[in-house]
Amino acid sequence: AAVIHELDQRSWGDANVIKNPSEADLLANW
């Protein structure tokens, strides 16, 4: 949550942030 907050503060708010990803979610994203 703290990392996401910092990203939002630095104009990354429009990016699609994966919250609580599984290993499969991370691999699919990568």
PDB file of all heavy atoms in Angstrom:
ATOM      1  N   ALA A   1       0.835  -1.206   0.000  1.00  0.00           N
ATOM      2  CA  ALA A   1       0.000   0.000   0.000  1.00  0.00           C
ATOM      3  C   ALA A   1       0.868   1.254   0.000  1.00  0.00           C
ATOM      4  O   ALA A   1       0.561   2.235  -0.698  1.00  0.00           O
ATOM      5  CB  ALA A   1      -0.942  -0.012   1.201  1.00  0.00           C
ATOM      6  N   ALA A   2       1.964   1.243   0.755  1.00  0.00           N
ATOM      7  CA  ALA A   2       2.868   2.397   0.803  1.00  0.00           C
ATOM      8  C   ALA A   2       3.547   2.617  -0.549  1.00  0.00           C
ATOM      9  O   ALA A   2       3.689   3.762  -0.996  1.00  0.00           O
ATOM     10  CB  ALA A   2       3.911   2.201   1.904  1.00  0.00           C
ATOM     11  N   VAL A   3       3.952   1.531  -1.204  1.00  0.00           N
ATOM     12  CA  VAL A   3       4.588   1.652  -2.525  1.00  0.00           C
ATOM     13  C   VAL A   3       3.591   2.221  -3.532  1.00  0.00           C
ATOM     14  O   VAL A   3       3.915   3.138  -4.296  1.00  0.00           O
ATOM     15  CB  VAL A   3       5.144   0.294  -3.006  1.00  0.00           C
ATOM     16  CG1 VAL A   3       5.555   0.361  -4.469  1.00  0.00           C
ATOM     17  CG2 VAL A   3       6.309  -0.142  -2.140  1.00  0.00           C
ATOM     18  N   ILE A   4       2.379   1.706  -3.533  1.00  0.00           N
ATOM     19  CA  ILE A   4       1.348   2.196  -4.453  1.00  0.00           C
ATOM     20  C   ILE A   4       1.061   3.671  -4.196  1.00  0.00           C
ATOM     21  O   ILE A   4       0.938   4.464  -5.130  1.00  0.00           O
ATOM     22  CB  ILE A   4       0.073   1.339  -4.350  1.00  0.00           C
ATOM     23  CG1 ILE A   4       0.350  -0.051  -4.922  1.00  0.00           C
ATOM     24  CG2 ILE A   4      -1.103   2.000  -5.077  1.00  0.00           C
ATOM     25  CD1 ILE A   4      -0.727  -1.075  -4.621  1.00  0.00           C
ATOM     26  N   HIS A   5       1.002   4.049  -2.932  1.00  0.00           N
ATOM     27  CA  HIS A   5       0.779   5.460  -2.590  1.00  0.00           C
ATOM     28  C   HIS A   5       1.904   6.331  -3.159  1.00  0.00           C
ATOM     29  O   HIS A   5       1.638   7.387  -3.752  1.00  0.00           O
ATOM     30  CB  HIS A   5       0.695   5.633  -1.073  1.00  0.00           C
ATOM     31  CG  HIS A   5       0.652   7.049  -0.634  1.00  0.00           C
ATOM     32  ND1 HIS A   5      -0.491   7.816  -0.746  1.00  0.00           N
ATOM     33  CD2 HIS A   5       1.607   7.855  -0.117  1.00  0.00           C
ATOM     34  CE1 HIS A   5      -0.221   9.045  -0.310  1.00  0.00           C
ATOM     35  NE2 HIS A   5       1.039   9.084   0.070  1.00  0.00           N
ATOM     36  N   GLU A   6       3.148   5.906  -2.985  1.00  0.00           N
ATOM     37  CA  GLU A   6       4.279   6.680  -3.501  1.00  0.00           C
ATOM     38  C   GLU A   6       4.249   6.760  -5.023  1.00  0.00           C
ATOM     39  O   GLU A   6       4.553   7.812  -5.600  1.00  0.00           O
ATOM     40  CB  GLU A   6       5.603   6.098  -3.008  1.00  0.00           C
ATOM     41  CG  GLU A   6       5.832   6.272  -1.523  1.00  0.00           C
ATOM     42  CD  GLU A   6       5.803   7.733  -1.084  1.00  0.00           C
ATOM     43  OE1 GLU A   6       6.385   8.601  -1.780  1.00  0.00           O
ATOM     44  OE2 GLU A   6       5.199   8.008  -0.044  1.00  0.00           O
ATOM     45  N   LEU A   7       3.892   5.683  -5.685  1.00  0.00           N
ATOM     46  CA  LEU A   7       3.782   5.718  -7.144  1.00  0.00           C
ATOM     47  C   LEU A   7       2.694   6.695  -7.581  1.00  0.00           C
ATOM     48  O   LEU A   7       2.882   7.460  -8.532  1.00  0.00           O
ATOM     49  CB  LEU A   7       3.487   4.320  -7.694  1.00  0.00           C
ATOM     50  CG  LEU A   7       4.618   3.301  -7.579  1.00  0.00           C
ATOM     51  CD1 LEU A   7       4.128   1.932  -8.015  1.00  0.00           C
ATOM     52  CD2 LEU A   7       5.834   3.728  -8.373  1.00  0.00           C
ATOM     53  N   ASP A   8       1.563   6.679  -6.879  1.00  0.00           N
ATOM     54  CA  ASP A   8       0.486   7.633  -7.177  1.00  0.00           C
ATOM     55  C   ASP A   8       0.963   9.070  -7.016  1.00  0.00           C
ATOM     56  O   ASP A   8       0.619   9.951  -7.813  1.00  0.00           O
ATOM     57  CB  ASP A   8      -0.720   7.401  -6.266  1.00  0.00           C
ATOM     58  CG  ASP A   8      -1.535   6.183  -6.649  1.00  0.00           C
ATOM     59  OD1 ASP A   8      -1.409   5.706  -7.791  1.00  0.00           O
ATOM     60  OD2 ASP A   8      -2.314   5.719  -5.790  1.00  0.00           O
ATOM     61  N   GLN A   9       1.772   9.329  -5.997  1.00  0.00           N
ATOM     62  CA  GLN A   9       2.272  10.674  -5.738  1.00  0.00           C
ATOM     63  C   GLN A   9       3.247  11.144  -6.811  1.00  0.00           C
ATOM     64  O   GLN A   9       3.470  12.330  -6.983  1.00  0.00           O
ATOM     65  CB  GLN A   9       2.956  10.731  -4.361  1.00  0.00           C
ATOM     66  CG  GLN A   9       2.019  10.482  -3.207  1.00  0.00           C
ATOM     67  CD  GLN A   9       0.892  11.491  -3.138  1.00  0.00           C
ATOM     68  OE1 GLN A   9       1.122  12.695  -3.147  1.00  0.00           O
ATOM     69  NE2 GLN A   9      -0.327  11.006  -3.102  1.00  0.00           N
ATOM     70  N   ARG A  10       3.829  10.212  -7.524  1.00  0.00           N
ATOM     71  CA  ARG A  10       4.829  10.535  -8.555  1.00  0.00           C
ATOM     72  C   ARG A  10       4.286  10.310  -9.964  1.00  0.00           C
ATOM     73  O   ARG A  10       5.010   9.935 -10.871  1.00  0.00           O
ATOM     74  CB  ARG A  10       6.082   9.696  -8.304  1.00  0.00           C
ATOM     75  CG  ARG A  10       6.830  10.178  -7.073  1.00  0.00           C
ATOM     76  CD  ARG A  10       7.826   9.183  -6.562  1.00  0.00           C
ATOM     77  NE  ARG A  10       8.605   9.689  -5.458  1.00  0.00           N
ATOM     78  CZ  ARG A  10       8.164   9.871  -4.214  1.00  0.00           C
ATOM     79  NH1 ARG A  10       6.921   9.582  -3.901  1.00  0.00           N
ATOM     80  NH2 ARG A  10       8.948  10.342  -3.277  1.00  0.00           N
ATOM     81  N   SER A  11       2.987  10.540 -10.129  1.00  0.00           N
ATOM     82  CA  SER A  11       2.303  10.508 -11.431  1.00  0.00           C
ATOM     83  C   SER A  11       2.257   9.133 -12.074  1.00  0.00           C
ATOM     84  O   SER A  11       2.194   9.021 -13.287  1.00  0.00           O
ATOM     85  CB  SER A  11       2.954  11.508 -12.391  1.00  0.00           C
ATOM     86  OG  SER A  11       2.858  12.802 -11.869  1.00  0.00           O
ATOM     87  N   TRP A  12       2.285   8.083 -11.286  1.00  0.00           N
ATOM     88  CA  TRP A  12       2.099   6.741 -11.819  1.00  0.00           C
ATOM     89  C   TRP A  12       0.663   6.287 -11.596  1.00  0.00           C
ATOM     90  O   TRP A  12       0.332   5.128 -11.790  1.00  0.00           O
ATOM     91  CB  TRP A  12       3.044   5.754 -11.137  1.00  0.00           C
ATOM     92  CG  TRP A  12       4.463   5.854 -11.585  1.00  0.00           C
ATOM     93  CD1 TRP A  12       5.236   6.969 -11.600  1.00  0.00           C
ATOM     94  CD2 TRP A  12       5.281   4.811 -12.079  1.00  0.00           C
ATOM     95  NE1 TRP A  12       6.490   6.686 -12.056  1.00  0.00           N
ATOM     96  CE2 TRP A  12       6.546   5.362 -12.354  1.00  0.00           C
ATOM     97  CE3 TRP A  12       5.077   3.463 -12.296  1.00  0.00           C
ATOM     98  CZ2 TRP A  12       7.587   4.600 -12.847  1.00  0.00           C
ATOM     99  CZ3 TRP A  12       6.124   2.712 -12.782  1.00  0.00           C
ATOM    100  CH2 TRP A  12       7.365   3.285 -13.061  1.00  0.00           C
ATOM    101  N   GLY A  13      -0.198   7.194 -11.178  1.00  0.00           N
ATOM    102  CA  GLY A  13      -1.566   6.849 -10.828  1.00  0.00           C
ATOM    103  C   GLY A  13      -2.375   6.285 -11.973  1.00  0.00           C
ATOM    104  O   GLY A  13      -3.333   5.552 -11.757  1.00  0.00           O
ATOM    105  N   ASP A  14      -2.013   6.614 -13.201  1.00  0.00           N
ATOM    106  CA  ASP A  14      -2.744   6.106 -14.354  1.00  0.00           C
ATOM    107  C   ASP A  14      -2.323   4.692 -14.733  1.00  0.00           C
ATOM    108  O   ASP A  14      -2.996   4.033 -15.508  1.00  0.00           O
ATOM    109  CB  ASP A  14      -2.551   7.027 -15.559  1.00  0.00           C
ATOM    110  CG  ASP A  14      -3.156   8.402 -15.326  1.00  0.00           C
ATOM    111  OD1 ASP A  14      -4.085   8.511 -14.502  1.00  0.00           O
ATOM    112  OD2 ASP A  14      -2.702   9.351 -15.963  1.00  0.00           O
ATOM    113  N   ALA A  15      -1.215   4.234 -14.186  1.00  0.00           N
ATOM    114  CA  ALA A  15      -0.728   2.895 -14.510  1.00  0.00           C
ATOM    115  C   ALA A  15      -1.627   1.849 -13.855  1.00  0.00           C
ATOM    116  O   ALA A  15      -2.210   2.078 -12.806  1.00  0.00           O
ATOM    117  CB  ALA A  15       0.707   2.728 -14.021  1.00  0.00           C
ATOM    118  N   ASN A  16      -1.718   0.696 -14.481  1.00  0.00           N
ATOM    119  CA  ASN A  16      -2.517  -0.391 -13.948  1.00  0.00           C
ATOM    120  C   ASN A  16      -1.675  -1.155 -12.931  1.00  0.00           C
ATOM    121  O   ASN A  16      -0.842  -1.971 -13.297  1.00  0.00           O
ATOM    122  CB  ASN A  16      -2.970  -1.315 -15.083  1.00  0.00           C
ATOM    123  CG  ASN A  16      -3.943  -2.365 -14.608  1.00  0.00           C
ATOM    124  OD1 ASN A  16      -4.490  -2.262 -13.519  1.00  0.00           O
ATOM    125  ND2 ASN A  16      -4.157  -3.368 -15.421  1.00  0.00           N
ATOM    126  N   VAL A  17      -1.878  -0.869 -11.653  1.00  0.00           N
ATOM    127  CA  VAL A  17      -1.110  -1.496 -10.583  1.00  0.00           C
ATOM    128  C   VAL A  17      -1.807  -2.778 -10.162  1.00  0.00           C
ATOM    129  O   VAL A  17      -2.997  -2.776  -9.864  1.00  0.00           O
ATOM    130  CB  VAL A  17      -0.969  -0.545  -9.370  1.00  0.00           C
ATOM    131  CG1 VAL A  17      -0.241  -1.233  -8.233  1.00  0.00           C
ATOM    132  CG2 VAL A  17      -0.251   0.728  -9.780  1.00  0.00           C
ATOM    133  N   ILE A  18      -1.065  -3.869 -10.128  1.00  0.00           N
ATOM    134  CA  ILE A  18      -1.616  -5.148  -9.695  1.00  0.00           C
ATOM    135  C   ILE A  18      -1.509  -5.194  -8.167  1.00  0.00           C
ATOM    136  O   ILE A  18      -0.415  -5.136  -7.622  1.00  0.00           O
ATOM    137  CB  ILE A  18      -0.837  -6.330 -10.297  1.00  0.00           C
ATOM    138  CG1 ILE A  18      -0.840  -6.269 -11.818  1.00  0.00           C
ATOM    139  CG2 ILE A  18      -1.416  -7.646  -9.812  1.00  0.00           C
ATOM    140  CD1 ILE A  18       0.061  -7.292 -12.464  1.00  0.00           C
ATOM    141  N   LYS A  19      -2.640  -5.297  -7.493  1.00  0.00           N
ATOM    142  CA  LYS A  19      -2.635  -5.352  -6.029  1.00  0.00           C
ATOM    143  C   LYS A  19      -2.714  -6.799  -5.570  1.00  0.00           C
ATOM    144  O   LYS A  19      -3.539  -7.563  -6.049  1.00  0.00           O
ATOM    145  CB  LYS A  19      -3.811  -4.551  -5.468  1.00  0.00           C
ATOM    146  CG  LYS A  19      -3.698  -3.071  -5.790  1.00  0.00           C
ATOM    147  CD  LYS A  19      -4.856  -2.289  -5.238  1.00  0.00           C
ATOM    148  CE  LYS A  19      -4.709  -0.828  -5.640  1.00  0.00           C
ATOM    149  NZ  LYS A  19      -5.818  -0.035  -5.174  1.00  0.00           N
ATOM    150  N   ASN A  20      -1.814  -7.169  -4.653  1.00  0.00           N
ATOM    151  CA  ASN A  20      -1.744  -8.522  -4.100  1.00  0.00           C
ATOM    152  C   ASN A  20      -1.695  -9.582  -5.209  1.00  0.00           C
ATOM    153  O   ASN A  20      -2.524 -10.491  -5.248  1.00  0.00           O
ATOM    154  CB  ASN A  20      -2.920  -8.784  -3.166  1.00  0.00           C
ATOM    155  CG  ASN A  20      -2.977  -7.781  -2.036  1.00  0.00           C
ATOM    156  OD1 ASN A  20      -1.955  -7.459  -1.446  1.00  0.00           O
ATOM    157  ND2 ASN A  20      -4.155  -7.279  -1.753  1.00  0.00           N
ATOM    158  N   PRO A  21      -0.726  -9.477  -6.118  1.00  0.00           N
ATOM    159  CA  PRO A  21      -0.672 -10.402  -7.253  1.00  0.00           C
ATOM    160  C   PRO A  21      -0.231 -11.806  -6.847  1.00  0.00           C
ATOM    161  O   PRO A  21       0.558 -11.982  -5.914  1.00  0.00           O
ATOM    162  CB  PRO A  21       0.368  -9.769  -8.163  1.00  0.00           C
ATOM    163  CG  PRO A  21       1.290  -9.074  -7.216  1.00  0.00           C
ATOM    164  CD  PRO A  21       0.387  -8.539  -6.122  1.00  0.00           C
ATOM    165  N   SER A  22      -0.719 -12.771  -7.577  1.00  0.00           N
ATOM    166  CA  SER A  22      -0.227 -14.139  -7.446  1.00  0.00           C
ATOM    167  C   SER A  22       0.991 -14.283  -8.354  1.00  0.00           C
ATOM    168  O   SER A  22       1.287 -13.399  -9.167  1.00  0.00           O
ATOM    169  CB  SER A  22      -1.307 -15.131  -7.860  1.00  0.00           C
ATOM    170  OG  SER A  22      -1.555 -15.005  -9.251  1.00  0.00           O
ATOM    171  N   GLU A  23       1.671 -15.394  -8.240  1.00  0.00           N
ATOM    172  CA  GLU A  23       2.810 -15.640  -9.131  1.00  0.00           C
ATOM    173  C   GLU A  23       2.343 -15.653 -10.584  1.00  0.00           C
ATOM    174  O   GLU A  23       3.014 -15.100 -11.465  1.00  0.00           O
ATOM    175  CB  GLU A  23       3.472 -16.960  -8.778  1.00  0.00           C
ATOM    176  CG  GLU A  23       4.694 -17.266  -9.608  1.00  0.00           C
ATOM    177  CD  GLU A  23       5.384 -18.561  -9.229  1.00  0.00           C
ATOM    178  OE1 GLU A  23       5.073 -19.131  -8.171  1.00  0.00           O
ATOM    179  OE2 GLU A  23       6.238 -19.009 -10.017  1.00  0.00           O
ATOM    180  N   ALA A  24       1.181 -16.246 -10.835  1.00  0.00           N
ATOM    181  CA  ALA A  24       0.637 -16.289 -12.196  1.00  0.00           C
ATOM    182  C   ALA A  24       0.338 -14.883 -12.714  1.00  0.00           C
ATOM    183  O   ALA A  24       0.590 -14.581 -13.879  1.00  0.00           O
ATOM    184  CB  ALA A  24      -0.622 -17.148 -12.234  1.00  0.00           C
ATOM    185  N   ASP A  25      -0.189 -14.012 -11.848  1.00  0.00           N
ATOM    186  CA  ASP A  25      -0.461 -12.624 -12.237  1.00  0.00           C
ATOM    187  C   ASP A  25       0.835 -11.918 -12.634  1.00  0.00           C
ATOM    188  O   ASP A  25       0.881 -11.198 -13.638  1.00  0.00           O
ATOM    189  CB  ASP A  25      -1.115 -11.838 -11.099  1.00  0.00           C
ATOM    190  CG  ASP A  25      -2.493 -12.319 -10.740  1.00  0.00           C
ATOM    191  OD1 ASP A  25      -3.209 -12.839 -11.623  1.00  0.00           O
ATOM    192  OD2 ASP A  25      -2.864 -12.163  -9.555  1.00  0.00           O
ATOM    193  N   LEU A  26       1.875 -12.103 -11.840  1.00  0.00           N
ATOM    194  CA  LEU A  26       3.156 -11.450 -12.124  1.00  0.00           C
ATOM    195  C   LEU A  26       3.764 -11.956 -13.430  1.00  0.00           C
ATOM    196  O   LEU A  26       4.276 -11.165 -14.228  1.00  0.00           O
ATOM    197  CB  LEU A  26       4.127 -11.670 -10.968  1.00  0.00           C
ATOM    198  CG  LEU A  26       3.747 -10.991  -9.661  1.00  0.00           C
ATOM    199  CD1 LEU A  26       4.681 -11.438  -8.549  1.00  0.00           C
ATOM    200  CD2 LEU A  26       3.747  -9.483  -9.797  1.00  0.00           C
ATOM    201  N   LEU A  27       3.708 -13.264 -13.644  1.00  0.00           N
ATOM    202  CA  LEU A  27       4.244 -13.825 -14.889  1.00  0.00           C
ATOM    203  C   LEU A  27       3.466 -13.334 -16.102  1.00  0.00           C
ATOM    204  O   LEU A  27       4.058 -12.984 -17.128  1.00  0.00           O
ATOM    205  CB  LEU A  27       4.236 -15.347 -14.834  1.00  0.00           C
ATOM    206  CG  LEU A  27       5.265 -15.969 -13.887  1.00  0.00           C
ATOM    207  CD1 LEU A  27       5.017 -17.460 -13.741  1.00  0.00           C
ATOM    208  CD2 LEU A  27       6.675 -15.678 -14.354  1.00  0.00           C
ATOM    209  N   ALA A  28       2.137 -13.290 -15.992  1.00  0.00           N
ATOM    210  CA  ALA A  28       1.314 -12.805 -17.102  1.00  0.00           C
ATOM    211  C   ALA A  28       1.621 -11.339 -17.390  1.00  0.00           C
ATOM    212  O   ALA A  28       1.723 -10.930 -18.554  1.00  0.00           O
ATOM    213  CB  ALA A  28      -0.164 -12.991 -16.782  1.00  0.00           C
ATOM    214  N   ASN A  29       1.798 -10.549 -16.345  1.00  0.00           N
ATOM    215  CA  ASN A  29       2.121  -9.135 -16.518  1.00  0.00           C
ATOM    216  C   ASN A  29       3.490  -8.978 -17.176  1.00  0.00           C
ATOM    217  O   ASN A  29       3.673  -8.176 -18.088  1.00  0.00           O
ATOM    218  CB  ASN A  29       2.087  -8.423 -15.167  1.00  0.00           C
ATOM    219  CG  ASN A  29       2.339  -6.941 -15.296  1.00  0.00           C
ATOM    220  OD1 ASN A  29       1.598  -6.236 -15.957  1.00  0.00           O
ATOM    221  ND2 ASN A  29       3.398  -6.464 -14.675  1.00  0.00           N
ATOM    222  N   TRP A  30       4.454  -9.753 -16.716  1.00  0.00           N
ATOM    223  CA  TRP A  30       5.804  -9.670 -17.258  1.00  0.00           C
ATOM    224  C   TRP A  30       5.838 -10.080 -18.723  1.00  0.00           C
ATOM    225  O   TRP A  30       6.458  -9.415 -19.553  1.00  0.00           O
ATOM    226  CB  TRP A  30       6.723 -10.559 -16.426  1.00  0.00           C
ATOM    227  CG  TRP A  30       8.151 -10.530 -16.861  1.00  0.00           C
ATOM    228  CD1 TRP A  30       9.041  -9.507 -16.682  1.00  0.00           C
ATOM    229  CD2 TRP A  30       8.848 -11.553 -17.557  1.00  0.00           C
ATOM    230  NE1 TRP A  30      10.251  -9.840 -17.220  1.00  0.00           N
ATOM    231  CE2 TRP A  30      10.167 -11.094 -17.769  1.00  0.00           C
ATOM    232  CE3 TRP A  30       8.493 -12.809 -18.016  1.00  0.00           C
ATOM    233  CZ2 TRP A  30      11.117 -11.851 -18.418  1.00  0.00           C
ATOM    234  CZ3 TRP A  30       9.451 -13.565 -18.674  1.00  0.00           C
ATOM    235  CH2 TRP A  30      10.751 -13.085 -18.859  1.00  0.00           C
TER     236      TRP A  30
END
